[in-house]
Amino acid sequence: MALVANVLNNLIPISNFNKGQASKIFDRLSVEKELVVLKNNQPSAVILSTDEYLRLTEIEEEYFLLLEANKRIESNTSKKTISMSEIMSNLGIKDAELLESEDVDIE
Protein backbone atom coordinates (compact mmCIF):
# COMPACT_ATOMS: atom_id res chain seq x y z
CA MET A 1 0.00 0.00 0.00
CA ALA A 2 2.93 2.35 0.70
CA LEU A 3 4.11 1.90 -2.91
CA VAL A 4 0.75 3.07 -4.28
CA ALA A 5 0.79 6.09 -1.97
CA ASN A 6 4.35 6.90 -3.09
CA VAL A 7 3.39 6.72 -6.78
CA LEU A 8 0.36 8.95 -6.18
CA ASN A 9 2.61 11.42 -4.35
CA ASN A 10 4.88 11.63 -7.39
CA LEU A 11 2.12 12.72 -9.80
CA ILE A 12 2.34 16.36 -10.89
CA PRO A 13 -0.39 17.97 -13.02
CA ILE A 14 1.14 19.93 -15.89
CA SER A 15 -1.05 22.88 -14.86
CA ASN A 16 1.20 23.29 -11.78
CA PHE A 17 3.95 24.49 -14.11
CA ASN A 18 1.60 27.16 -15.48
CA LYS A 19 0.84 28.31 -11.93
CA GLY A 20 4.48 29.26 -11.30
CA GLN A 21 5.26 26.18 -9.21
CA ALA A 22 8.12 24.86 -11.35
CA SER A 23 10.73 25.81 -8.75
CA LYS A 24 8.82 23.92 -6.02
CA ILE A 25 8.46 20.91 -8.32
CA PHE A 26 12.18 20.80 -9.10
CA ASP A 27 13.03 21.22 -5.41
CA ARG A 28 11.10 18.02 -4.72
CA LEU A 29 13.64 16.12 -6.83
CA SER A 30 16.19 16.54 -4.04
CA VAL A 31 14.01 14.16 -2.01
CA GLU A 32 12.28 12.05 -4.67
CA LYS A 33 13.90 10.08 -7.52
CA GLU A 34 11.30 10.87 -10.15
CA LEU A 35 8.10 12.79 -10.73
CA VAL A 36 5.43 11.90 -13.28
CA VAL A 37 3.88 14.83 -15.14
CA LEU A 38 0.21 14.40 -15.98
CA LYS A 39 -1.42 16.00 -19.01
CA ASN A 40 -5.19 15.49 -19.29
CA ASN A 41 -4.91 13.07 -16.34
CA GLN A 42 -2.55 10.83 -18.33
CA PRO A 43 1.19 10.33 -17.72
CA SER A 44 2.96 12.54 -20.24
CA ALA A 45 6.54 12.84 -19.01
CA VAL A 46 8.88 11.76 -16.22
CA ILE A 47 11.27 14.15 -14.53
CA LEU A 48 14.28 12.42 -12.96
CA SER A 49 16.60 13.68 -10.25
CA THR A 50 20.21 14.05 -11.37
CA ASP A 51 21.28 11.16 -9.11
CA GLU A 52 18.62 8.87 -10.55
CA TYR A 53 19.53 9.83 -14.12
CA LEU A 54 23.21 9.08 -13.46
CA ARG A 55 22.32 5.76 -11.81
CA LEU A 56 20.23 4.71 -14.79
CA THR A 57 22.85 5.76 -17.36
CA GLU A 58 25.50 3.76 -15.47
CA ILE A 59 23.24 0.71 -15.54
CA GLU A 60 22.76 1.20 -19.29
CA GLU A 61 26.53 1.50 -19.88
CA GLU A 62 27.21 -1.63 -17.82
CA TYR A 63 24.53 -3.50 -19.76
CA PHE A 64 26.14 -2.62 -23.11
CA LEU A 65 29.57 -3.62 -21.78
CA LEU A 66 28.09 -6.95 -20.67
CA LEU A 67 26.57 -7.50 -24.12
CA GLU A 68 29.94 -6.75 -25.75
CA ALA A 69 31.75 -9.10 -23.36
CA ASN A 70 29.27 -11.89 -24.07
CA LYS A 71 29.61 -11.34 -27.82
CA ARG A 72 33.40 -11.60 -27.54
CA ILE A 73 33.22 -14.72 -25.39
CA GLU A 74 30.88 -16.41 -27.88
CA SER A 75 33.09 -15.54 -30.85
CA ASN A 76 36.23 -16.88 -29.14
CA THR A 77 35.00 -20.27 -27.94
CA SER A 78 37.62 -22.19 -29.94
CA LYS A 79 40.57 -20.06 -28.78
CA LYS A 80 42.70 -20.76 -25.71
CA THR A 81 41.93 -18.48 -22.80
CA ILE A 82 44.06 -17.38 -19.88
CA SER A 83 42.64 -17.23 -16.37
CA MET A 84 42.77 -14.03 -14.35
CA SER A 85 44.99 -15.70 -11.74
CA GLU A 86 47.49 -16.65 -14.50
CA ILE A 87 47.57 -13.08 -15.82
CA MET A 88 48.02 -11.65 -12.33
CA SER A 89 50.80 -14.12 -11.62
CA ASN A 90 52.58 -13.27 -14.90
CA LEU A 91 52.34 -9.56 -14.12
CA GLY A 92 53.29 -9.97 -10.45
CA ILE A 93 50.02 -8.53 -9.14
CA LYS A 94 48.66 -9.75 -5.80
CA ASP A 95 44.96 -9.92 -4.85
CA ALA A 96 45.54 -7.44 -2.02
CA GLU A 97 46.86 -4.87 -4.51
CA LEU A 98 43.65 -5.09 -6.51
CA LEU A 99 41.52 -4.60 -3.41
CA GLU A 100 43.53 -1.48 -2.48
CA SER A 101 43.35 0.09 -5.94
CA GLU A 102 40.78 2.65 -7.00
CA ASP A 103 38.00 1.94 -9.49
CA VAL A 104 38.84 2.68 -13.11
CA ASP A 105 36.28 3.99 -15.60
CA ILE A 106 36.61 2.33 -18.99
CA GLU A 107 35.17 4.30 -21.87
C-alpha atoms as a PDB file:
ATOM      1  CA  MET A   1       0.000   0.000   0.000  1.00  0.00           C
ATOM      2  CA  ALA A   2       2.928   2.351   0.698  1.00  0.00           C
ATOM      3  CA  LEU A   3       4.115   1.898  -2.907  1.00  0.00           C
ATOM      4  CA  VAL A   4       0.753   3.071  -4.279  1.00  0.00           C
ATOM      5  CA  ALA A   5       0.787   6.093  -1.970  1.00  0.00           C
ATOM      6  CA  ASN A   6       4.347   6.900  -3.088  1.00  0.00           C
ATOM      7  CA  VAL A   7       3.386   6.716  -6.775  1.00  0.00           C
ATOM      8  CA  LEU A   8       0.365   8.953  -6.177  1.00  0.00           C
ATOM      9  CA  ASN A   9       2.605  11.423  -4.349  1.00  0.00           C
ATOM     10  CA  ASN A  10       4.881  11.634  -7.390  1.00  0.00           C
ATOM     11  CA  LEU A  11       2.123  12.717  -9.802  1.00  0.00           C
ATOM     12  CA  ILE A  12       2.344  16.358 -10.892  1.00  0.00           C
ATOM     13  CA  PRO A  13      -0.393  17.965 -13.022  1.00  0.00           C
ATOM     14  CA  ILE A  14       1.138  19.929 -15.887  1.00  0.00           C
ATOM     15  CA  SER A  15      -1.048  22.880 -14.859  1.00  0.00           C
ATOM     16  CA  ASN A  16       1.200  23.294 -11.775  1.00  0.00           C
ATOM     17  CA  PHE A  17       3.950  24.493 -14.107  1.00  0.00           C
ATOM     18  CA  ASN A  18       1.604  27.156 -15.481  1.00  0.00           C
ATOM     19  CA  LYS A  19       0.840  28.313 -11.934  1.00  0.00           C
ATOM     20  CA  GLY A  20       4.484  29.257 -11.295  1.00  0.00           C
ATOM     21  CA  GLN A  21       5.255  26.182  -9.212  1.00  0.00           C
ATOM     22  CA  ALA A  22       8.122  24.861 -11.345  1.00  0.00           C
ATOM     23  CA  SER A  23      10.733  25.811  -8.747  1.00  0.00           C
ATOM     24  CA  LYS A  24       8.819  23.916  -6.023  1.00  0.00           C
ATOM     25  CA  ILE A  25       8.462  20.913  -8.315  1.00  0.00           C
ATOM     26  CA  PHE A  26      12.185  20.801  -9.100  1.00  0.00           C
ATOM     27  CA  ASP A  27      13.029  21.222  -5.412  1.00  0.00           C
ATOM     28  CA  ARG A  28      11.097  18.020  -4.718  1.00  0.00           C
ATOM     29  CA  LEU A  29      13.644  16.123  -6.826  1.00  0.00           C
ATOM     30  CA  SER A  30      16.186  16.539  -4.038  1.00  0.00           C
ATOM     31  CA  VAL A  31      14.014  14.160  -2.008  1.00  0.00           C
ATOM     32  CA  GLU A  32      12.282  12.054  -4.672  1.00  0.00           C
ATOM     33  CA  LYS A  33      13.904  10.083  -7.516  1.00  0.00           C
ATOM     34  CA  GLU A  34      11.299  10.865 -10.146  1.00  0.00           C
ATOM     35  CA  LEU A  35       8.096  12.786 -10.726  1.00  0.00           C
ATOM     36  CA  VAL A  36       5.431  11.896 -13.276  1.00  0.00           C
ATOM     37  CA  VAL A  37       3.884  14.833 -15.140  1.00  0.00           C
ATOM     38  CA  LEU A  38       0.211  14.402 -15.980  1.00  0.00           C
ATOM     39  CA  LYS A  39      -1.419  16.001 -19.008  1.00  0.00           C
ATOM     40  CA  ASN A  40      -5.187  15.490 -19.288  1.00  0.00           C
ATOM     41  CA  ASN A  41      -4.909  13.072 -16.343  1.00  0.00           C
ATOM     42  CA  GLN A  42      -2.551  10.826 -18.332  1.00  0.00           C
ATOM     43  CA  PRO A  43       1.191  10.326 -17.715  1.00  0.00           C
ATOM     44  CA  SER A  44       2.964  12.535 -20.242  1.00  0.00           C
ATOM     45  CA  ALA A  45       6.545  12.837 -19.006  1.00  0.00           C
ATOM     46  CA  VAL A  46       8.883  11.758 -16.225  1.00  0.00           C
ATOM     47  CA  ILE A  47      11.273  14.149 -14.531  1.00  0.00           C
ATOM     48  CA  LEU A  48      14.280  12.421 -12.958  1.00  0.00           C
ATOM     49  CA  SER A  49      16.596  13.675 -10.252  1.00  0.00           C
ATOM     50  CA  THR A  50      20.213  14.048 -11.371  1.00  0.00           C
ATOM     51  CA  ASP A  51      21.276  11.165  -9.113  1.00  0.00           C
ATOM     52  CA  GLU A  52      18.618   8.871 -10.554  1.00  0.00           C
ATOM     53  CA  TYR A  53      19.531   9.832 -14.115  1.00  0.00           C
ATOM     54  CA  LEU A  54      23.214   9.085 -13.459  1.00  0.00           C
ATOM     55  CA  ARG A  55      22.321   5.764 -11.811  1.00  0.00           C
ATOM     56  CA  LEU A  56      20.229   4.710 -14.794  1.00  0.00           C
ATOM     57  CA  THR A  57      22.849   5.756 -17.363  1.00  0.00           C
ATOM     58  CA  GLU A  58      25.497   3.761 -15.470  1.00  0.00           C
ATOM     59  CA  ILE A  59      23.236   0.710 -15.541  1.00  0.00           C
ATOM     60  CA  GLU A  60      22.762   1.203 -19.293  1.00  0.00           C
ATOM     61  CA  GLU A  61      26.529   1.496 -19.877  1.00  0.00           C
ATOM     62  CA  GLU A  62      27.213  -1.632 -17.821  1.00  0.00           C
ATOM     63  CA  TYR A  63      24.531  -3.504 -19.757  1.00  0.00           C
ATOM     64  CA  PHE A  64      26.136  -2.618 -23.111  1.00  0.00           C
ATOM     65  CA  LEU A  65      29.570  -3.621 -21.778  1.00  0.00           C
ATOM     66  CA  LEU A  66      28.094  -6.954 -20.668  1.00  0.00           C
ATOM     67  CA  LEU A  67      26.571  -7.497 -24.119  1.00  0.00           C
ATOM     68  CA  GLU A  68      29.936  -6.753 -25.749  1.00  0.00           C
ATOM     69  CA  ALA A  69      31.751  -9.096 -23.355  1.00  0.00           C
ATOM     70  CA  ASN A  70      29.269 -11.895 -24.069  1.00  0.00           C
ATOM     71  CA  LYS A  71      29.615 -11.343 -27.822  1.00  0.00           C
ATOM     72  CA  ARG A  72      33.402 -11.597 -27.543  1.00  0.00           C
ATOM     73  CA  ILE A  73      33.223 -14.717 -25.395  1.00  0.00           C
ATOM     74  CA  GLU A  74      30.877 -16.405 -27.879  1.00  0.00           C
ATOM     75  CA  SER A  75      33.086 -15.545 -30.855  1.00  0.00           C
ATOM     76  CA  ASN A  76      36.228 -16.879 -29.139  1.00  0.00           C
ATOM     77  CA  THR A  77      34.997 -20.273 -27.938  1.00  0.00           C
ATOM     78  CA  SER A  78      37.620 -22.188 -29.935  1.00  0.00           C
ATOM     79  CA  LYS A  79      40.575 -20.064 -28.778  1.00  0.00           C
ATOM     80  CA  LYS A  80      42.701 -20.762 -25.711  1.00  0.00           C
ATOM     81  CA  THR A  81      41.929 -18.477 -22.802  1.00  0.00           C
ATOM     82  CA  ILE A  82      44.065 -17.380 -19.877  1.00  0.00           C
ATOM     83  CA  SER A  83      42.639 -17.228 -16.371  1.00  0.00           C
ATOM     84  CA  MET A  84      42.768 -14.030 -14.350  1.00  0.00           C
ATOM     85  CA  SER A  85      44.992 -15.704 -11.741  1.00  0.00           C
ATOM     86  CA  GLU A  86      47.489 -16.646 -14.497  1.00  0.00           C
ATOM     87  CA  ILE A  87      47.574 -13.079 -15.817  1.00  0.00           C
ATOM     88  CA  MET A  88      48.016 -11.654 -12.331  1.00  0.00           C
ATOM     89  CA  SER A  89      50.805 -14.122 -11.620  1.00  0.00           C
ATOM     90  CA  ASN A  90      52.576 -13.269 -14.900  1.00  0.00           C
ATOM     91  CA  LEU A  91      52.336  -9.555 -14.121  1.00  0.00           C
ATOM     92  CA  GLY A  92      53.293  -9.968 -10.451  1.00  0.00           C
ATOM     93  CA  ILE A  93      50.017  -8.534  -9.145  1.00  0.00           C
ATOM     94  CA  LYS A  94      48.657  -9.749  -5.799  1.00  0.00           C
ATOM     95  CA  ASP A  95      44.964  -9.925  -4.849  1.00  0.00           C
ATOM     96  CA  ALA A  96      45.535  -7.444  -2.022  1.00  0.00           C
ATOM     97  CA  GLU A  97      46.862  -4.871  -4.507  1.00  0.00           C
ATOM     98  CA  LEU A  98      43.647  -5.092  -6.515  1.00  0.00           C
ATOM     99  CA  LEU A  99      41.523  -4.602  -3.409  1.00  0.00           C
ATOM    100  CA  GLU A 100      43.534  -1.484  -2.475  1.00  0.00           C
ATOM    101  CA  SER A 101      43.354   0.087  -5.942  1.00  0.00           C
ATOM    102  CA  GLU A 102      40.779   2.650  -7.000  1.00  0.00           C
ATOM    103  CA  ASP A 103      38.004   1.937  -9.495  1.00  0.00           C
ATOM    104  CA  VAL A 104      38.840   2.682 -13.110  1.00  0.00           C
ATOM    105  CA  ASP A 105      36.283   3.991 -15.598  1.00  0.00           C
ATOM    106  CA  ILE A 106      36.611   2.332 -18.993  1.00  0.00           C
ATOM    107  CA  GLU A 107      35.165   4.298 -21.866  1.00  0.00           C
END
